[in-house]
Amino acid sequence: MGKYVDDILVHDERVEYETGYHWIIYCNLRAIFTLFIAPFIDSCTGEFAITNKRVIIKTGFFRRRTLEMNLSKIETVGVDQSFIGRLLGYGTITVIGTGGTHESFPNICNPLEFERNLESIQIDTAR
């Protein structure tokens, strides 16, 4: 579990699923031009977790971007995968919440598993 997620967990909250960036982030010009430092920082600082109460996503080191949304406020989670993404197991997740919140996070490892876990946790908490 990442430090950010550990630090913000509330009483009786536990992490149910966690993932990170896929290794594909090392295969682009940005990685080459920064001598693979930028994707290394991204992979070390990106945290994607589903707890029994909310979704917590944190990206970035110098410029931090966070999303913390209660499970009851999430309308849907979309997954976008290219053909190569399906073969290699990465894609973009888009969290759409009530009130028009629309956040996308690219190059996530196993995005369908993220979506499946979120849906099953939402169903369990709705009971």
N, C-alpha and C. Protein backbone atom coordinates (compact mmCIF):
# COMPACT_ATOMS: atom_id res chain seq x y z
N MET A 1 0.84 -1.16 0.00
CA MET A 1 0.00 0.00 0.00
C MET A 1 0.89 1.24 0.00
N GLY A 2 0.42 2.27 -0.67
CA GLY A 2 1.20 3.50 -0.74
C GLY A 2 1.06 4.35 0.51
N LYS A 3 2.04 5.22 0.70
CA LYS A 3 2.05 6.07 1.89
C LYS A 3 0.86 7.01 1.93
N TYR A 4 0.48 7.59 0.80
CA TYR A 4 -0.65 8.52 0.77
C TYR A 4 -1.94 7.82 1.20
N VAL A 5 -2.17 6.65 0.65
CA VAL A 5 -3.38 5.90 0.99
C VAL A 5 -3.36 5.53 2.47
N ASP A 6 -2.23 5.06 2.97
CA ASP A 6 -2.12 4.72 4.40
C ASP A 6 -2.43 5.92 5.28
N ASP A 7 -1.95 7.08 4.89
CA ASP A 7 -2.10 8.28 5.72
C ASP A 7 -3.53 8.80 5.80
N ILE A 8 -4.34 8.54 4.79
CA ILE A 8 -5.68 9.14 4.79
C ILE A 8 -6.81 8.16 5.10
N LEU A 9 -6.49 6.92 5.40
CA LEU A 9 -7.53 5.97 5.78
C LEU A 9 -8.20 6.42 7.07
N VAL A 10 -9.51 6.31 7.11
CA VAL A 10 -10.27 6.69 8.31
C VAL A 10 -10.60 5.43 9.12
N HIS A 11 -11.22 5.63 10.27
CA HIS A 11 -11.58 4.53 11.16
C HIS A 11 -12.45 3.51 10.43
N ASP A 12 -12.15 2.24 10.56
CA ASP A 12 -12.87 1.12 9.96
C ASP A 12 -12.79 1.09 8.44
N GLU A 13 -11.82 1.77 7.87
CA GLU A 13 -11.63 1.73 6.40
C GLU A 13 -10.44 0.83 6.10
N ARG A 14 -10.62 -0.03 5.10
CA ARG A 14 -9.54 -0.94 4.71
C ARG A 14 -9.44 -1.01 3.20
N VAL A 15 -8.25 -1.22 2.71
CA VAL A 15 -8.01 -1.31 1.28
C VAL A 15 -8.47 -2.67 0.79
N GLU A 16 -9.32 -2.66 -0.24
CA GLU A 16 -9.84 -3.89 -0.82
C GLU A 16 -9.09 -4.28 -2.10
N TYR A 17 -8.63 -3.27 -2.84
CA TYR A 17 -7.91 -3.54 -4.09
C TYR A 17 -6.96 -2.39 -4.35
N GLU A 18 -5.80 -2.71 -4.91
CA GLU A 18 -4.80 -1.69 -5.21
C GLU A 18 -4.07 -2.06 -6.50
N THR A 19 -3.77 -1.06 -7.30
CA THR A 19 -3.01 -1.28 -8.52
C THR A 19 -2.10 -0.09 -8.74
N GLY A 20 -1.38 -0.10 -9.85
CA GLY A 20 -0.45 0.99 -10.16
C GLY A 20 -0.34 1.18 -11.65
N TYR A 21 0.68 1.92 -12.03
CA TYR A 21 0.93 2.13 -13.46
C TYR A 21 1.50 0.86 -14.09
N HIS A 22 1.21 0.67 -15.35
CA HIS A 22 1.73 -0.44 -16.13
C HIS A 22 3.15 -0.10 -16.60
N TRP A 23 3.95 -1.10 -16.88
CA TRP A 23 5.33 -0.87 -17.33
C TRP A 23 5.40 -0.15 -18.67
N ILE A 24 4.29 -0.04 -19.37
CA ILE A 24 4.27 0.63 -20.67
C ILE A 24 4.66 2.11 -20.56
N ILE A 25 4.57 2.69 -19.36
CA ILE A 25 4.94 4.10 -19.20
C ILE A 25 6.42 4.33 -19.49
N TYR A 26 7.21 3.25 -19.51
CA TYR A 26 8.64 3.37 -19.83
C TYR A 26 8.91 3.32 -21.33
N CYS A 27 7.89 3.15 -22.15
CA CYS A 27 8.05 2.97 -23.59
C CYS A 27 7.52 4.16 -24.38
N ASN A 28 8.10 5.33 -24.16
CA ASN A 28 7.71 6.51 -24.94
C ASN A 28 8.87 7.51 -24.97
N LEU A 29 8.69 8.57 -25.73
CA LEU A 29 9.75 9.56 -25.87
C LEU A 29 10.03 10.31 -24.57
N ARG A 30 9.00 10.55 -23.80
CA ARG A 30 9.20 11.23 -22.51
C ARG A 30 10.16 10.43 -21.64
N ALA A 31 10.02 9.13 -21.63
CA ALA A 31 10.90 8.27 -20.85
C ALA A 31 12.34 8.36 -21.35
N ILE A 32 12.50 8.33 -22.65
CA ILE A 32 13.84 8.38 -23.24
C ILE A 32 14.50 9.73 -22.97
N PHE A 33 13.76 10.83 -23.19
CA PHE A 33 14.33 12.17 -23.00
C PHE A 33 14.66 12.48 -21.55
N THR A 34 13.99 11.84 -20.62
CA THR A 34 14.27 12.08 -19.20
C THR A 34 15.13 10.96 -18.60
N LEU A 35 15.72 10.15 -19.48
CA LEU A 35 16.56 9.03 -19.05
C LEU A 35 15.82 8.08 -18.10
N PHE A 36 14.55 7.91 -18.36
CA PHE A 36 13.65 7.00 -17.63
C PHE A 36 13.39 7.44 -16.18
N ILE A 37 13.78 8.66 -15.86
CA ILE A 37 13.53 9.18 -14.51
C ILE A 37 12.06 9.56 -14.32
N ALA A 38 11.47 10.23 -15.31
CA ALA A 38 10.07 10.67 -15.19
C ALA A 38 9.10 9.49 -15.00
N PRO A 39 9.19 8.44 -15.83
CA PRO A 39 8.26 7.33 -15.58
C PRO A 39 8.56 6.59 -14.27
N PHE A 40 9.81 6.59 -13.85
CA PHE A 40 10.14 5.97 -12.56
C PHE A 40 9.47 6.73 -11.42
N ILE A 41 9.54 8.06 -11.47
CA ILE A 41 8.87 8.88 -10.46
C ILE A 41 7.37 8.65 -10.51
N ASP A 42 6.81 8.60 -11.73
CA ASP A 42 5.37 8.34 -11.87
C ASP A 42 4.99 7.01 -11.23
N SER A 43 5.75 5.96 -11.52
CA SER A 43 5.39 4.64 -10.99
C SER A 43 5.56 4.57 -9.48
N CYS A 44 6.50 5.32 -8.93
CA CYS A 44 6.70 5.32 -7.48
C CYS A 44 5.67 6.15 -6.74
N THR A 45 5.11 7.16 -7.41
CA THR A 45 4.20 8.08 -6.72
C THR A 45 2.73 7.86 -7.07
N GLY A 46 2.44 7.04 -8.07
CA GLY A 46 1.05 6.79 -8.44
C GLY A 46 0.42 5.73 -7.54
N GLU A 47 -0.71 6.06 -6.95
CA GLU A 47 -1.42 5.13 -6.08
C GLU A 47 -2.88 5.06 -6.51
N PHE A 48 -3.38 3.86 -6.72
CA PHE A 48 -4.75 3.63 -7.17
C PHE A 48 -5.34 2.57 -6.25
N ALA A 49 -6.25 2.97 -5.39
CA ALA A 49 -6.79 2.05 -4.39
C ALA A 49 -8.30 2.16 -4.30
N ILE A 50 -8.92 1.03 -3.98
CA ILE A 50 -10.34 0.97 -3.68
C ILE A 50 -10.44 0.47 -2.25
N THR A 51 -11.11 1.23 -1.41
CA THR A 51 -11.34 0.79 -0.04
C THR A 51 -12.79 0.35 0.10
N ASN A 52 -13.16 -0.04 1.28
CA ASN A 52 -14.55 -0.43 1.52
C ASN A 52 -15.47 0.79 1.58
N LYS A 53 -14.91 2.01 1.52
CA LYS A 53 -15.72 3.22 1.59
C LYS A 53 -15.58 4.17 0.40
N ARG A 54 -14.44 4.12 -0.30
CA ARG A 54 -14.19 5.10 -1.36
C ARG A 54 -13.09 4.64 -2.32
N VAL A 55 -12.96 5.41 -3.39
CA VAL A 55 -11.87 5.23 -4.35
C VAL A 55 -10.86 6.33 -4.06
N ILE A 56 -9.58 5.95 -3.97
CA ILE A 56 -8.51 6.90 -3.71
C ILE A 56 -7.49 6.77 -4.83
N ILE A 57 -7.25 7.86 -5.54
CA ILE A 57 -6.26 7.88 -6.61
C ILE A 57 -5.36 9.09 -6.40
N LYS A 58 -4.05 8.86 -6.41
CA LYS A 58 -3.09 9.94 -6.29
C LYS A 58 -2.01 9.75 -7.34
N THR A 59 -1.74 10.80 -8.10
CA THR A 59 -0.66 10.75 -9.08
C THR A 59 0.22 11.98 -8.91
N GLY A 60 1.45 11.86 -9.33
CA GLY A 60 2.36 12.99 -9.36
C GLY A 60 3.19 13.17 -8.11
N PHE A 61 4.31 13.83 -8.30
CA PHE A 61 5.22 14.14 -7.20
C PHE A 61 5.37 15.65 -7.07
N PHE A 62 5.82 16.27 -8.15
CA PHE A 62 5.98 17.73 -8.14
C PHE A 62 4.62 18.42 -8.24
N ARG A 63 3.78 17.88 -9.07
CA ARG A 63 2.41 18.39 -9.23
C ARG A 63 1.46 17.25 -8.88
N ARG A 64 0.90 17.29 -7.71
CA ARG A 64 0.06 16.21 -7.22
C ARG A 64 -1.38 16.37 -7.72
N ARG A 65 -1.97 15.25 -8.08
CA ARG A 65 -3.38 15.20 -8.49
C ARG A 65 -4.03 14.08 -7.71
N THR A 66 -5.12 14.39 -7.01
CA THR A 66 -5.78 13.37 -6.20
C THR A 66 -7.26 13.31 -6.53
N LEU A 67 -7.81 12.14 -6.33
CA LEU A 67 -9.25 11.91 -6.44
C LEU A 67 -9.63 11.00 -5.28
N GLU A 68 -10.54 11.48 -4.46
CA GLU A 68 -11.08 10.68 -3.38
C GLU A 68 -12.59 10.80 -3.49
N MET A 69 -13.25 9.70 -3.80
CA MET A 69 -14.68 9.74 -4.03
C MET A 69 -15.35 8.59 -3.28
N ASN A 70 -16.38 8.93 -2.51
CA ASN A 70 -17.15 7.90 -1.81
C ASN A 70 -17.80 6.96 -2.82
N LEU A 71 -17.88 5.69 -2.47
CA LEU A 71 -18.46 4.70 -3.38
C LEU A 71 -19.89 5.05 -3.76
N SER A 72 -20.64 5.65 -2.84
CA SER A 72 -22.03 6.00 -3.13
C SER A 72 -22.14 7.15 -4.13
N LYS A 73 -21.07 7.91 -4.33
CA LYS A 73 -21.09 9.05 -5.25
C LYS A 73 -20.58 8.70 -6.65
N ILE A 74 -20.16 7.45 -6.86
CA ILE A 74 -19.65 7.03 -8.16
C ILE A 74 -20.80 6.49 -8.99
N GLU A 75 -21.02 7.10 -10.15
CA GLU A 75 -22.06 6.61 -11.07
C GLU A 75 -21.54 5.47 -11.92
N THR A 76 -20.34 5.64 -12.46
CA THR A 76 -19.79 4.59 -13.32
C THR A 76 -18.27 4.73 -13.41
N VAL A 77 -17.64 3.64 -13.77
CA VAL A 77 -16.21 3.63 -14.07
C VAL A 77 -16.07 3.08 -15.48
N GLY A 78 -15.48 3.87 -16.34
CA GLY A 78 -15.27 3.45 -17.72
C GLY A 78 -13.86 2.96 -17.93
N VAL A 79 -13.70 2.02 -18.83
CA VAL A 79 -12.38 1.49 -19.18
C VAL A 79 -12.19 1.64 -20.67
N ASP A 80 -11.08 2.20 -21.06
CA ASP A 80 -10.74 2.37 -22.46
C ASP A 80 -9.41 1.66 -22.71
N GLN A 81 -9.43 0.67 -23.60
CA GLN A 81 -8.23 -0.09 -23.92
C GLN A 81 -8.07 -0.19 -25.42
N SER A 82 -6.87 0.07 -25.90
CA SER A 82 -6.56 -0.18 -27.29
C SER A 82 -6.32 -1.68 -27.48
N PHE A 83 -6.11 -2.08 -28.73
CA PHE A 83 -5.81 -3.49 -29.00
C PHE A 83 -4.53 -3.91 -28.27
N ILE A 84 -3.49 -3.08 -28.37
CA ILE A 84 -2.23 -3.38 -27.68
C ILE A 84 -2.44 -3.37 -26.17
N GLY A 85 -3.26 -2.43 -25.69
CA GLY A 85 -3.56 -2.37 -24.27
C GLY A 85 -4.23 -3.62 -23.77
N ARG A 86 -5.12 -4.18 -24.58
CA ARG A 86 -5.78 -5.43 -24.19
C ARG A 86 -4.78 -6.58 -24.15
N LEU A 87 -3.87 -6.61 -25.12
CA LEU A 87 -2.87 -7.68 -25.15
C LEU A 87 -1.91 -7.60 -23.97
N LEU A 88 -1.49 -6.38 -23.63
CA LEU A 88 -0.49 -6.19 -22.59
C LEU A 88 -1.07 -5.95 -21.19
N GLY A 89 -2.38 -5.68 -21.10
CA GLY A 89 -3.02 -5.54 -19.80
C GLY A 89 -2.97 -4.15 -19.20
N TYR A 90 -3.13 -3.11 -20.03
CA TYR A 90 -3.20 -1.76 -19.49
C TYR A 90 -4.28 -0.97 -20.21
N GLY A 91 -4.65 0.16 -19.63
CA GLY A 91 -5.67 1.00 -20.24
C GLY A 91 -5.93 2.23 -19.40
N THR A 92 -6.98 2.95 -19.78
CA THR A 92 -7.38 4.17 -19.10
C THR A 92 -8.66 3.91 -18.32
N ILE A 93 -8.67 4.32 -17.05
CA ILE A 93 -9.91 4.26 -16.29
C ILE A 93 -10.46 5.68 -16.16
N THR A 94 -11.76 5.80 -16.29
CA THR A 94 -12.44 7.08 -16.13
C THR A 94 -13.49 6.92 -15.05
N VAL A 95 -13.35 7.70 -14.00
CA VAL A 95 -14.31 7.67 -12.89
C VAL A 95 -15.29 8.81 -13.10
N ILE A 96 -16.57 8.46 -13.18
CA ILE A 96 -17.62 9.46 -13.36
C ILE A 96 -18.50 9.45 -12.12
N GLY A 97 -18.56 10.61 -11.47
CA GLY A 97 -19.32 10.72 -10.24
C GLY A 97 -20.55 11.57 -10.40
N THR A 98 -21.37 11.55 -9.36
CA THR A 98 -22.55 12.40 -9.36
C THR A 98 -22.10 13.86 -9.36
N GLY A 99 -22.87 14.70 -10.00
CA GLY A 99 -22.52 16.11 -10.06
C GLY A 99 -21.56 16.45 -11.18
N GLY A 100 -21.28 15.49 -12.06
CA GLY A 100 -20.48 15.78 -13.24
C GLY A 100 -18.99 15.56 -13.11
N THR A 101 -18.51 15.02 -12.01
CA THR A 101 -17.09 14.72 -11.89
C THR A 101 -16.70 13.69 -12.93
N HIS A 102 -15.64 13.99 -13.69
CA HIS A 102 -15.21 13.13 -14.79
C HIS A 102 -13.68 13.13 -14.81
N GLU A 103 -13.06 12.10 -14.23
CA GLU A 103 -11.60 12.03 -14.10
C GLU A 103 -11.05 10.80 -14.82
N SER A 104 -10.04 11.02 -15.68
CA SER A 104 -9.42 9.92 -16.42
C SER A 104 -7.98 9.72 -15.97
N PHE A 105 -7.56 8.46 -15.91
CA PHE A 105 -6.21 8.10 -15.51
C PHE A 105 -5.68 7.05 -16.49
N PRO A 106 -4.70 7.43 -17.32
CA PRO A 106 -4.19 6.51 -18.35
C PRO A 106 -3.10 5.57 -17.83
N ASN A 107 -2.87 4.51 -18.61
CA ASN A 107 -1.78 3.56 -18.41
C ASN A 107 -1.84 2.82 -17.07
N ILE A 108 -3.05 2.45 -16.67
CA ILE A 108 -3.25 1.72 -15.43
C ILE A 108 -3.14 0.23 -15.70
N CYS A 109 -2.48 -0.47 -14.81
CA CYS A 109 -2.33 -1.91 -14.92
C CYS A 109 -3.66 -2.59 -14.60
N ASN A 110 -4.09 -3.50 -15.44
CA ASN A 110 -5.32 -4.28 -15.27
C ASN A 110 -6.56 -3.42 -14.98
N PRO A 111 -6.93 -2.54 -15.90
CA PRO A 111 -8.08 -1.65 -15.64
C PRO A 111 -9.40 -2.38 -15.51
N LEU A 112 -9.58 -3.49 -16.21
CA LEU A 112 -10.83 -4.25 -16.09
C LEU A 112 -10.97 -4.87 -14.70
N GLU A 113 -9.86 -5.29 -14.12
CA GLU A 113 -9.87 -5.83 -12.77
C GLU A 113 -10.21 -4.73 -11.77
N PHE A 114 -9.69 -3.52 -12.00
CA PHE A 114 -10.03 -2.37 -11.16
C PHE A 114 -11.54 -2.13 -11.20
N GLU A 115 -12.10 -2.09 -12.40
CA GLU A 115 -13.54 -1.86 -12.58
C GLU A 115 -14.36 -2.97 -11.92
N ARG A 116 -13.96 -4.22 -12.12
CA ARG A 116 -14.68 -5.36 -11.57
C ARG A 116 -14.67 -5.32 -10.04
N ASN A 117 -13.52 -5.02 -9.45
CA ASN A 117 -13.43 -4.93 -8.00
C ASN A 117 -14.27 -3.80 -7.45
N LEU A 118 -14.26 -2.66 -8.13
CA LEU A 118 -15.06 -1.53 -7.68
C LEU A 118 -16.54 -1.87 -7.70
N GLU A 119 -17.00 -2.49 -8.77
CA GLU A 119 -18.41 -2.86 -8.87
C GLU A 119 -18.81 -3.87 -7.80
N SER A 120 -17.95 -4.85 -7.53
CA SER A 120 -18.30 -5.85 -6.53
C SER A 120 -18.31 -5.24 -5.12
N ILE A 121 -17.42 -4.32 -4.85
CA ILE A 121 -17.41 -3.65 -3.55
C ILE A 121 -18.62 -2.75 -3.39
N GLN A 122 -19.02 -2.06 -4.48
CA GLN A 122 -20.22 -1.23 -4.43
C GLN A 122 -21.45 -2.07 -4.15
N ILE A 123 -21.54 -3.24 -4.75
CA ILE A 123 -22.67 -4.12 -4.53
C ILE A 123 -22.69 -4.61 -3.07
N ASP A 124 -21.50 -4.97 -2.55
CA ASP A 124 -21.41 -5.46 -1.17
C ASP A 124 -21.78 -4.38 -0.16
N THR A 125 -21.38 -3.13 -0.41
CA THR A 125 -21.69 -2.06 0.54
C THR A 125 -23.14 -1.60 0.43
N ALA A 126 -23.79 -1.86 -0.71
CA ALA A 126 -25.18 -1.47 -0.89
C ALA A 126 -26.13 -2.38 -0.11
N ARG A 127 -25.66 -3.55 0.26
CA ARG A 127 -26.51 -4.52 0.97
C ARG A 127 -26.71 -4.14 2.39
